[in-house]
Amino acid sequence: MTKIEMKSTKSMFLFLSAVLIAIVVAWTSGAFAETKYAPGKYEIDPVHTRVSFMVPHFVISLVEGRFDDVKGDFTLSEPFSASKAKVTVQIESIDTA
């Protein structure tokens, strides 16, 4: 793996980690308190779900990409800390146009 590839991979990992942390903090802080969902198991709607990313290209532009094959489900529980999610993203479905 080249230095640029390592840096891009690290940047993507840090970005995704930051997004996940922001969601968890917002959820646990009560930011979503107005929206009540019934505890239970829900399927992810692949038509309305997008897994995307942006990576630097030669330091002058960004390449946007997405994965077209996303499946999964999540279970909301009371308390929220007992909730679970399972998501499968097929790497072969990558699309960077």
PDB file of N, CA and C in Angstrom:
ATOM      1  N   MET A   1       0.850  -1.164   0.000  1.00  0.00           N
ATOM      2  CA  MET A   1       0.000   0.000   0.000  1.00  0.00           C
ATOM      3  C   MET A   1       0.901   1.233   0.000  1.00  0.00           C
ATOM      4  N   THR A   2       0.622   2.173  -0.903  1.00  0.00           N
ATOM      5  CA  THR A   2       1.436   3.372  -0.989  1.00  0.00           C
ATOM      6  C   THR A   2       1.058   4.351   0.119  1.00  0.00           C
ATOM      7  N   LYS A   3       1.893   5.366   0.271  1.00  0.00           N
ATOM      8  CA  LYS A   3       1.658   6.378   1.302  1.00  0.00           C
ATOM      9  C   LYS A   3       0.338   7.114   1.056  1.00  0.00           C
ATOM     10  N   ILE A   4       0.026   7.398  -0.205  1.00  0.00           N
ATOM     11  CA  ILE A   4      -1.210   8.106  -0.545  1.00  0.00           C
ATOM     12  C   ILE A   4      -2.413   7.225  -0.226  1.00  0.00           C
ATOM     13  N   GLU A   5      -2.339   5.937  -0.568  1.00  0.00           N
ATOM     14  CA  GLU A   5      -3.439   5.023  -0.276  1.00  0.00           C
ATOM     15  C   GLU A   5      -3.651   4.899   1.227  1.00  0.00           C
ATOM     16  N   MET A   6      -2.563   4.841   1.984  1.00  0.00           N
ATOM     17  CA  MET A   6      -2.677   4.735   3.434  1.00  0.00           C
ATOM     18  C   MET A   6      -3.332   5.989   4.005  1.00  0.00           C
ATOM     19  N   LYS A   7      -2.939   7.163   3.481  1.00  0.00           N
ATOM     20  CA  LYS A   7      -3.496   8.416   3.963  1.00  0.00           C
ATOM     21  C   LYS A   7      -4.986   8.500   3.629  1.00  0.00           C
ATOM     22  N   SER A   8      -5.381   8.075   2.416  1.00  0.00           N
ATOM     23  CA  SER A   8      -6.788   8.086   2.020  1.00  0.00           C
ATOM     24  C   SER A   8      -7.599   7.136   2.878  1.00  0.00           C
ATOM     25  N   THR A   9      -7.061   5.952   3.137  1.00  0.00           N
ATOM     26  CA  THR A   9      -7.750   4.972   3.968  1.00  0.00           C
ATOM     27  C   THR A   9      -7.915   5.505   5.383  1.00  0.00           C
ATOM     28  N   LYS A  10      -6.867   6.117   5.905  1.00  0.00           N
ATOM     29  CA  LYS A  10      -6.928   6.676   7.257  1.00  0.00           C
ATOM     30  C   LYS A  10      -7.941   7.820   7.312  1.00  0.00           C
ATOM     31  N   SER A  11      -7.957   8.672   6.282  1.00  0.00           N
ATOM     32  CA  SER A  11      -8.904   9.787   6.244  1.00  0.00           C
ATOM     33  C   SER A  11     -10.336   9.280   6.202  1.00  0.00           C
ATOM     34  N   MET A  12     -10.597   8.242   5.396  1.00  0.00           N
ATOM     35  CA  MET A  12     -11.944   7.699   5.307  1.00  0.00           C
ATOM     36  C   MET A  12     -12.354   7.090   6.644  1.00  0.00           C
ATOM     37  N   PHE A  13     -11.441   6.368   7.276  1.00  0.00           N
ATOM     38  CA  PHE A  13     -11.732   5.760   8.575  1.00  0.00           C
ATOM     39  C   PHE A  13     -12.039   6.836   9.610  1.00  0.00           C
ATOM     40  N   LEU A  14     -11.237   7.896   9.645  1.00  0.00           N
ATOM     41  CA  LEU A  14     -11.464   8.978  10.606  1.00  0.00           C
ATOM     42  C   LEU A  14     -12.789   9.678  10.354  1.00  0.00           C
ATOM     43  N   PHE A  15     -13.127   9.900   9.084  1.00  0.00           N
ATOM     44  CA  PHE A  15     -14.388  10.546   8.739  1.00  0.00           C
ATOM     45  C   PHE A  15     -15.574   9.693   9.183  1.00  0.00           C
ATOM     46  N   LEU A  16     -15.547   8.411   8.838  1.00  0.00           N
ATOM     47  CA  LEU A  16     -16.647   7.520   9.210  1.00  0.00           C
ATOM     48  C   LEU A  16     -16.760   7.389  10.733  1.00  0.00           C
ATOM     49  N   SER A  17     -15.632   7.367  11.421  1.00  0.00           N
ATOM     50  CA  SER A  17     -15.650   7.308  12.885  1.00  0.00           C
ATOM     51  C   SER A  17     -16.281   8.567  13.462  1.00  0.00           C
ATOM     52  N   ALA A  18     -15.934   9.716  12.905  1.00  0.00           N
ATOM     53  CA  ALA A  18     -16.483  10.981  13.389  1.00  0.00           C
ATOM     54  C   ALA A  18     -17.992  11.040  13.178  1.00  0.00           C
ATOM     55  N   VAL A  19     -18.464  10.566  12.034  1.00  0.00           N
ATOM     56  CA  VAL A  19     -19.903  10.551  11.765  1.00  0.00           C
ATOM     57  C   VAL A  19     -20.622   9.641  12.750  1.00  0.00           C
ATOM     58  N   LEU A  20     -20.082   8.460  12.976  1.00  0.00           N
ATOM     59  CA  LEU A  20     -20.690   7.521  13.917  1.00  0.00           C
ATOM     60  C   LEU A  20     -20.730   8.104  15.328  1.00  0.00           C
ATOM     61  N   ILE A  21     -19.644   8.723  15.755  1.00  0.00           N
ATOM     62  CA  ILE A  21     -19.599   9.330  17.084  1.00  0.00           C
ATOM     63  C   ILE A  21     -20.623  10.456  17.186  1.00  0.00           C
ATOM     64  N   ALA A  22     -20.746  11.269  16.134  1.00  0.00           N
ATOM     65  CA  ALA A  22     -21.709  12.370  16.147  1.00  0.00           C
ATOM     66  C   ALA A  22     -23.141  11.856  16.271  1.00  0.00           C
ATOM     67  N   ILE A  23     -23.454  10.773  15.580  1.00  0.00           N
ATOM     68  CA  ILE A  23     -24.799  10.201  15.664  1.00  0.00           C
ATOM     69  C   ILE A  23     -25.066   9.677  17.064  1.00  0.00           C
ATOM     70  N   VAL A  24     -24.110   8.961  17.622  1.00  0.00           N
ATOM     71  CA  VAL A  24     -24.286   8.400  18.964  1.00  0.00           C
ATOM     72  C   VAL A  24     -24.444   9.516  19.991  1.00  0.00           C
ATOM     73  N   VAL A  25     -23.618  10.552  19.901  1.00  0.00           N
ATOM     74  CA  VAL A  25     -23.703  11.667  20.850  1.00  0.00           C
ATOM     75  C   VAL A  25     -25.040  12.380  20.715  1.00  0.00           C
ATOM     76  N   ALA A  26     -25.460  12.631  19.480  1.00  0.00           N
ATOM     77  CA  ALA A  26     -26.745  13.316  19.273  1.00  0.00           C
ATOM     78  C   ALA A  26     -27.894  12.474  19.805  1.00  0.00           C
ATOM     79  N   TRP A  27     -27.843  11.179  19.551  1.00  0.00           N
ATOM     80  CA  TRP A  27     -28.932  10.306  20.000  1.00  0.00           C
ATOM     81  C   TRP A  27     -28.991  10.230  21.521  1.00  0.00           C
ATOM     82  N   THR A  28     -27.853  10.025  22.129  1.00  0.00           N
ATOM     83  CA  THR A  28     -27.850   9.866  23.584  1.00  0.00           C
ATOM     84  C   THR A  28     -28.057  11.184  24.320  1.00  0.00           C
ATOM     85  N   SER A  29     -27.818  12.305  23.655  1.00  0.00           N
ATOM     86  CA  SER A  29     -28.029  13.604  24.306  1.00  0.00           C
ATOM     87  C   SER A  29     -29.487  14.047  24.251  1.00  0.00           C
ATOM     88  N   GLY A  30     -30.314  13.294  23.547  1.00  0.00           N
ATOM     89  CA  GLY A  30     -31.725  13.647  23.455  1.00  0.00           C
ATOM     90  C   GLY A  30     -32.064  14.486  22.247  1.00  0.00           C
ATOM     91  N   ALA A  31     -31.149  14.657  21.313  1.00  0.00           N
ATOM     92  CA  ALA A  31     -31.422  15.458  20.124  1.00  0.00           C
ATOM     93  C   ALA A  31     -32.553  14.867  19.289  1.00  0.00           C
ATOM     94  N   PHE A  32     -32.763  13.569  19.400  1.00  0.00           N
ATOM     95  CA  PHE A  32     -33.830  12.917  18.655  1.00  0.00           C
ATOM     96  C   PHE A  32     -35.027  12.620  19.555  1.00  0.00           C
ATOM     97  N   ALA A  33     -35.116  13.281  20.686  1.00  0.00           N
ATOM     98  CA  ALA A  33     -36.153  12.973  21.669  1.00  0.00           C
ATOM     99  C   ALA A  33     -37.556  13.217  21.122  1.00  0.00           C
ATOM    100  N   GLU A  34     -37.728  14.195  20.217  1.00  0.00           N
ATOM    101  CA  GLU A  34     -39.043  14.476  19.672  1.00  0.00           C
ATOM    102  C   GLU A  34     -39.546  13.339  18.803  1.00  0.00           C
ATOM    103  N   THR A  35     -38.645  12.582  18.211  1.00  0.00           N
ATOM    104  CA  THR A  35     -39.004  11.494  17.331  1.00  0.00           C
ATOM    105  C   THR A  35     -38.981  10.200  18.119  1.00  0.00           C
ATOM    106  N   LYS A  36     -40.138   9.618  18.296  1.00  0.00           N
ATOM    107  CA  LYS A  36     -40.230   8.363  19.038  1.00  0.00           C
ATOM    108  C   LYS A  36     -40.468   7.228  18.057  1.00  0.00           C
ATOM    109  N   TYR A  37     -39.670   6.215  18.173  1.00  0.00           N
ATOM    110  CA  TYR A  37     -39.838   5.019  17.374  1.00  0.00           C
ATOM    111  C   TYR A  37     -40.121   3.864  18.318  1.00  0.00           C
ATOM    112  N   ALA A  38     -40.997   3.015  17.888  1.00  0.00           N
ATOM    113  CA  ALA A  38     -41.326   1.857  18.711  1.00  0.00           C
ATOM    114  C   ALA A  38     -40.154   0.891  18.707  1.00  0.00           C
ATOM    115  N   PRO A  39     -39.811   0.358  19.855  1.00  0.00           N
ATOM    116  CA  PRO A  39     -38.777  -0.669  19.878  1.00  0.00           C
ATOM    117  C   PRO A  39     -39.188  -1.825  18.962  1.00  0.00           C
ATOM    118  N   GLY A  40     -38.221  -2.395  18.290  1.00  0.00           N
ATOM    119  CA  GLY A  40     -38.499  -3.499  17.385  1.00  0.00           C
ATOM    120  C   GLY A  40     -37.420  -3.618  16.337  1.00  0.00           C
ATOM    121  N   LYS A  41     -37.607  -4.551  15.421  1.00  0.00           N
ATOM    122  CA  LYS A  41     -36.627  -4.792  14.370  1.00  0.00           C
ATOM    123  C   LYS A  41     -37.102  -4.130  13.080  1.00  0.00           C
ATOM    124  N   TYR A  42     -36.190  -3.416  12.421  1.00  0.00           N
ATOM    125  CA  TYR A  42     -36.487  -2.693  11.196  1.00  0.00           C
ATOM    126  C   TYR A  42     -35.472  -3.080  10.122  1.00  0.00           C
ATOM    127  N   GLU A  43     -35.935  -3.139   8.855  1.00  0.00           N
ATOM    128  CA  GLU A  43     -35.026  -3.404   7.751  1.00  0.00           C
ATOM    129  C   GLU A  43     -34.609  -2.090   7.117  1.00  0.00           C
ATOM    130  N   ILE A  44     -33.363  -2.047   6.674  1.00  0.00           N
ATOM    131  CA  ILE A  44     -32.871  -0.873   5.957  1.00  0.00           C
ATOM    132  C   ILE A  44     -33.449  -0.899   4.551  1.00  0.00           C
ATOM    133  N   ASP A  45     -34.012   0.214   4.111  1.00  0.00           N
ATOM    134  CA  ASP A  45     -34.601   0.317   2.776  1.00  0.00           C
ATOM    135  C   ASP A  45     -33.482   0.635   1.781  1.00  0.00           C
ATOM    136  N   PRO A  46     -33.088  -0.315   0.927  1.00  0.00           N
ATOM    137  CA  PRO A  46     -31.958  -0.078   0.022  1.00  0.00           C
ATOM    138  C   PRO A  46     -32.224   1.028  -0.999  1.00  0.00           C
ATOM    139  N   VAL A  47     -33.483   1.312  -1.298  1.00  0.00           N
ATOM    140  CA  VAL A  47     -33.805   2.370  -2.253  1.00  0.00           C
ATOM    141  C   VAL A  47     -33.537   3.744  -1.659  1.00  0.00           C
ATOM    142  N   HIS A  48     -33.737   3.876  -0.363  1.00  0.00           N
ATOM    143  CA  HIS A  48     -33.576   5.175   0.293  1.00  0.00           C
ATOM    144  C   HIS A  48     -32.341   5.237   1.189  1.00  0.00           C
ATOM    145  N   THR A  49     -31.408   4.325   0.982  1.00  0.00           N
ATOM    146  CA  THR A  49     -30.188   4.291   1.771  1.00  0.00           C
ATOM    147  C   THR A  49     -28.999   4.528   0.853  1.00  0.00           C
ATOM    148  N   ARG A  50     -28.058   5.316   1.324  1.00  0.00           N
ATOM    149  CA  ARG A  50     -26.875   5.604   0.511  1.00  0.00           C
ATOM    150  C   ARG A  50     -25.636   5.477   1.374  1.00  0.00           C
ATOM    151  N   VAL A  51     -24.687   4.689   0.896  1.00  0.00           N
ATOM    152  CA  VAL A  51     -23.379   4.593   1.532  1.00  0.00           C
ATOM    153  C   VAL A  51     -22.409   5.210   0.529  1.00  0.00           C
ATOM    154  N   SER A  52     -21.855   6.356   0.903  1.00  0.00           N
ATOM    155  CA  SER A  52     -20.994   7.077  -0.036  1.00  0.00           C
ATOM    156  C   SER A  52     -19.723   7.551   0.663  1.00  0.00           C
ATOM    157  N   PHE A  53     -18.786   8.031  -0.135  1.00  0.00           N
ATOM    158  CA  PHE A  53     -17.505   8.488   0.389  1.00  0.00           C
ATOM    159  C   PHE A  53     -16.900   9.504  -0.572  1.00  0.00           C
ATOM    160  N   MET A  54     -15.909  10.222  -0.070  1.00  0.00           N
ATOM    161  CA  MET A  54     -15.125  11.150  -0.885  1.00  0.00           C
ATOM    162  C   MET A  54     -13.661  10.956  -0.522  1.00  0.00           C
ATOM    163  N   VAL A  55     -12.809  10.865  -1.528  1.00  0.00           N
ATOM    164  CA  VAL A  55     -11.374  10.718  -1.285  1.00  0.00           C
ATOM    165  C   VAL A  55     -10.618  11.724  -2.147  1.00  0.00           C
ATOM    166  N   PRO A  56      -9.482  12.229  -1.649  1.00  0.00           N
ATOM    167  CA  PRO A  56      -8.700  13.183  -2.433  1.00  0.00           C
ATOM    168  C   PRO A  56      -8.076  12.514  -3.652  1.00  0.00           C
ATOM    169  N   HIS A  57      -8.020  13.265  -4.744  1.00  0.00           N
ATOM    170  CA  HIS A  57      -7.412  12.787  -5.984  1.00  0.00           C
ATOM    171  C   HIS A  57      -6.309  13.764  -6.376  1.00  0.00           C
ATOM    172  N   PHE A  58      -5.077  13.335  -6.232  1.00  0.00           N
ATOM    173  CA  PHE A  58      -3.902  14.165  -6.550  1.00  0.00           C
ATOM    174  C   PHE A  58      -3.929  15.502  -5.816  1.00  0.00           C
ATOM    175  N   VAL A  59      -4.532  15.561  -4.677  1.00  0.00           N
ATOM    176  CA  VAL A  59      -4.577  16.716  -3.788  1.00  0.00           C
ATOM    177  C   VAL A  59      -5.270  17.934  -4.408  1.00  0.00           C
ATOM    178  N   ILE A  60      -5.839  17.824  -5.601  1.00  0.00           N
ATOM    179  CA  ILE A  60      -6.479  18.989  -6.222  1.00  0.00           C
ATOM    180  C   ILE A  60      -7.985  18.835  -6.376  1.00  0.00           C
ATOM    181  N   SER A  61      -8.489  17.628  -6.194  1.00  0.00           N
ATOM    182  CA  SER A  61      -9.931  17.428  -6.312  1.00  0.00           C
ATOM    183  C   SER A  61     -10.353  16.260  -5.430  1.00  0.00           C
ATOM    184  N   LEU A  62     -11.643  16.060  -5.373  1.00  0.00           N
ATOM    185  CA  LEU A  62     -12.187  14.952  -4.609  1.00  0.00           C
ATOM    186  C   LEU A  62     -12.927  14.005  -5.546  1.00  0.00           C
ATOM    187  N   VAL A  63     -12.769  12.729  -5.327  1.00  0.00           N
ATOM    188  CA  VAL A  63     -13.515  11.720  -6.073  1.00  0.00           C
ATOM    189  C   VAL A  63     -14.646  11.253  -5.171  1.00  0.00           C
ATOM    190  N   GLU A  64     -15.862  11.349  -5.684  1.00  0.00           N
ATOM    191  CA  GLU A  64     -17.015  10.871  -4.939  1.00  0.00           C
ATOM    192  C   GLU A  64     -17.361   9.468  -5.413  1.00  0.00           C
ATOM    193  N   GLY A  65     -17.774   8.646  -4.502  1.00  0.00           N
ATOM    194  CA  GLY A  65     -18.162   7.294  -4.853  1.00  0.00           C
ATOM    195  C   GLY A  65     -19.276   6.809  -3.957  1.00  0.00           C
ATOM    196  N   ARG A  66     -19.848   5.702  -4.345  1.00  0.00           N
ATOM    197  CA  ARG A  66     -20.915   5.111  -3.544  1.00  0.00           C
ATOM    198  C   ARG A  66     -20.919   3.605  -3.749  1.00  0.00           C
ATOM    199  N   PHE A  67     -21.619   2.934  -2.859  1.00  0.00           N
ATOM    200  CA  PHE A  67     -21.831   1.499  -2.979  1.00  0.00           C
ATOM    201  C   PHE A  67     -23.310   1.295  -3.265  1.00  0.00           C
ATOM    202  N   ASP A  68     -23.614   0.580  -4.345  1.00  0.00           N
ATOM    203  CA  ASP A  68     -25.002   0.412  -4.765  1.00  0.00           C
ATOM    204  C   ASP A  68     -25.729  -0.743  -4.084  1.00  0.00           C
ATOM    205  N   ASP A  69     -24.993  -1.688  -3.506  1.00  0.00           N
ATOM    206  CA  ASP A  69     -25.622  -2.860  -2.896  1.00  0.00           C
ATOM    207  C   ASP A  69     -25.455  -2.797  -1.375  1.00  0.00           C
ATOM    208  N   VAL A  70     -26.487  -2.289  -0.702  1.00  0.00           N
ATOM    209  CA  VAL A  70     -26.471  -2.125   0.750  1.00  0.00           C
ATOM    210  C   VAL A  70     -27.689  -2.845   1.325  1.00  0.00           C
ATOM    211  N   LYS A  71     -27.452  -3.689   2.316  1.00  0.00           N
ATOM    212  CA  LYS A  71     -28.540  -4.417   2.972  1.00  0.00           C
ATOM    213  C   LYS A  71     -28.303  -4.377   4.475  1.00  0.00           C
ATOM    214  N   GLY A  72     -29.349  -4.565   5.226  1.00  0.00           N
ATOM    215  CA  GLY A  72     -29.162  -4.644   6.666  1.00  0.00           C
ATOM    216  C   GLY A  72     -30.439  -4.454   7.436  1.00  0.00           C
ATOM    217  N   ASP A  73     -30.286  -4.493   8.731  1.00  0.00           N
ATOM    218  CA  ASP A  73     -31.411  -4.269   9.620  1.00  0.00           C
ATOM    219  C   ASP A  73     -30.880  -3.699  10.929  1.00  0.00           C
ATOM    220  N   PHE A  74     -31.801  -3.180  11.724  1.00  0.00           N
ATOM    221  CA  PHE A  74     -31.414  -2.681  13.040  1.00  0.00           C
ATOM    222  C   PHE A  74     -32.554  -2.937  14.008  1.00  0.00           C
ATOM    223  N   THR A  75     -32.191  -3.065  15.253  1.00  0.00           N
ATOM    224  CA  THR A  75     -33.160  -3.311  16.307  1.00  0.00           C
ATOM    225  C   THR A  75     -33.076  -2.170  17.306  1.00  0.00           C
ATOM    226  N   LEU A  76     -34.189  -1.488  17.498  1.00  0.00           N
ATOM    227  CA  LEU A  76     -34.261  -0.431  18.507  1.00  0.00           C
ATOM    228  C   LEU A  76     -34.737  -1.049  19.802  1.00  0.00           C
ATOM    229  N   SER A  77     -34.058  -0.718  20.872  1.00  0.00           N
ATOM    230  CA  SER A  77     -34.388  -1.280  22.179  1.00  0.00           C
ATOM    231  C   SER A  77     -34.496  -0.182  23.221  1.00  0.00           C
ATOM    232  N   GLU A  78     -35.173  -0.489  24.281  1.00  0.00           N
ATOM    233  CA  GLU A  78     -35.200   0.366  25.469  1.00  0.00           C
ATOM    234  C   GLU A  78     -34.417  -0.356  26.546  1.00  0.00           C
ATOM    235  N   PRO A  79     -33.348   0.149  27.025  1.00  0.00           N
ATOM    236  CA  PRO A  79     -32.727   1.431  26.713  1.00  0.00           C
ATOM    237  C   PRO A  79     -32.027   1.385  25.350  1.00  0.00           C
ATOM    238  N   PHE A  80     -31.782   2.577  24.789  1.00  0.00           N
ATOM    239  CA  PHE A  80     -31.181   2.665  23.470  1.00  0.00           C
ATOM    240  C   PHE A  80     -29.824   1.969  23.401  1.00  0.00           C
ATOM    241  N   SER A  81     -29.097   1.966  24.497  1.00  0.00           N
ATOM    242  CA  SER A  81     -27.757   1.356  24.502  1.00  0.00           C
ATOM    243  C   SER A  81     -27.800  -0.132  24.186  1.00  0.00           C
ATOM    244  N   ALA A  82     -28.962  -0.756  24.261  1.00  0.00           N
ATOM    245  CA  ALA A  82     -29.103  -2.180  23.930  1.00  0.00           C
ATOM    246  C   ALA A  82     -29.464  -2.389  22.456  1.00  0.00           C
ATOM    247  N   SER A  83     -29.608  -1.302  21.699  1.00  0.00           N
ATOM    248  CA  SER A  83     -29.944  -1.400  20.274  1.00  0.00           C
ATOM    249  C   SER A  83     -28.789  -1.985  19.482  1.00  0.00           C
ATOM    250  N   LYS A  84     -29.123  -2.586  18.335  1.00  0.00           N
ATOM    251  CA  LYS A  84     -28.110  -3.227  17.493  1.00  0.00           C
ATOM    252  C   LYS A  84     -28.372  -2.890  16.035  1.00  0.00           C
ATOM    253  N   ALA A  85     -27.300  -2.938  15.229  1.00  0.00           N
ATOM    254  CA  ALA A  85     -27.425  -2.734  13.785  1.00  0.00           C
ATOM    255  C   ALA A  85     -26.522  -3.720  13.067  1.00  0.00           C
ATOM    256  N   LYS A  86     -26.990  -4.175  11.913  1.00  0.00           N
ATOM    257  CA  LYS A  86     -26.199  -5.073  11.068  1.00  0.00           C
ATOM    258  C   LYS A  86     -26.343  -4.570   9.634  1.00  0.00           C
ATOM    259  N   VAL A  87     -25.218  -4.198   9.029  1.00  0.00           N
ATOM    260  CA  VAL A  87     -25.229  -3.663   7.673  1.00  0.00           C
ATOM    261  C   VAL A  87     -24.202  -4.418   6.845  1.00  0.00           C
ATOM    262  N   THR A  88     -24.607  -4.778   5.623  1.00  0.00           N
ATOM    263  CA  THR A  88     -23.703  -5.444   4.696  1.00  0.00           C
ATOM    264  C   THR A  88     -23.575  -4.575   3.452  1.00  0.00           C
ATOM    265  N   VAL A  89     -22.342  -4.237   3.109  1.00  0.00           N
ATOM    266  CA  VAL A  89     -22.056  -3.448   1.910  1.00  0.00           C
ATOM    267  C   VAL A  89     -21.185  -4.308   1.004  1.00  0.00           C
ATOM    268  N   GLN A  90     -21.676  -4.572  -0.192  1.00  0.00           N
ATOM    269  CA  GLN A  90     -20.910  -5.376  -1.147  1.00  0.00           C
ATOM    270  C   GLN A  90     -19.850  -4.492  -1.811  1.00  0.00           C
ATOM    271  N   ILE A  91     -18.590  -4.815  -1.565  1.00  0.00           N
ATOM    272  CA  ILE A  91     -17.477  -4.031  -2.110  1.00  0.00           C
ATOM    273  C   ILE A  91     -17.518  -3.996  -3.637  1.00  0.00           C
ATOM    274  N   GLU A  92     -17.989  -5.090  -4.249  1.00  0.00           N
ATOM    275  CA  GLU A  92     -18.049  -5.148  -5.708  1.00  0.00           C
ATOM    276  C   GLU A  92     -19.027  -4.148  -6.308  1.00  0.00           C
ATOM    277  N   SER A  93     -19.922  -3.569  -5.480  1.00  0.00           N
ATOM    278  CA  SER A  93     -20.919  -2.631  -5.992  1.00  0.00           C
ATOM    279  C   SER A  93     -20.426  -1.190  -5.985  1.00  0.00           C
ATOM    280  N   ILE A  94     -19.134  -0.982  -5.826  1.00  0.00           N
ATOM    281  CA  ILE A  94     -18.580   0.375  -5.800  1.00  0.00           C
ATOM    282  C   ILE A  94     -18.805   1.079  -7.142  1.00  0.00           C
ATOM    283  N   ASP A  95     -19.139   2.362  -7.088  1.00  0.00           N
ATOM    284  CA  ASP A  95     -19.359   3.155  -8.292  1.00  0.00           C
ATOM    285  C   ASP A  95     -18.728   4.529  -8.067  1.00  0.00           C
ATOM    286  N   THR A  96     -17.703   4.850  -8.842  1.00  0.00           N
ATOM    287  CA  THR A  96     -17.063   6.163  -8.745  1.00  0.00           C
ATOM    288  C   THR A  96     -17.246   6.962 -10.029  1.00  0.00           C
ATOM    289  N   ALA A  97     -18.180   6.507 -10.857  1.00  0.00           N
ATOM    290  CA  ALA A  97     -18.495   7.172 -12.135  1.00  0.00           C
ATOM    291  C   ALA A  97     -17.250   7.270 -12.976  1.00  0.00           C
TER     292      ALA A  97
END
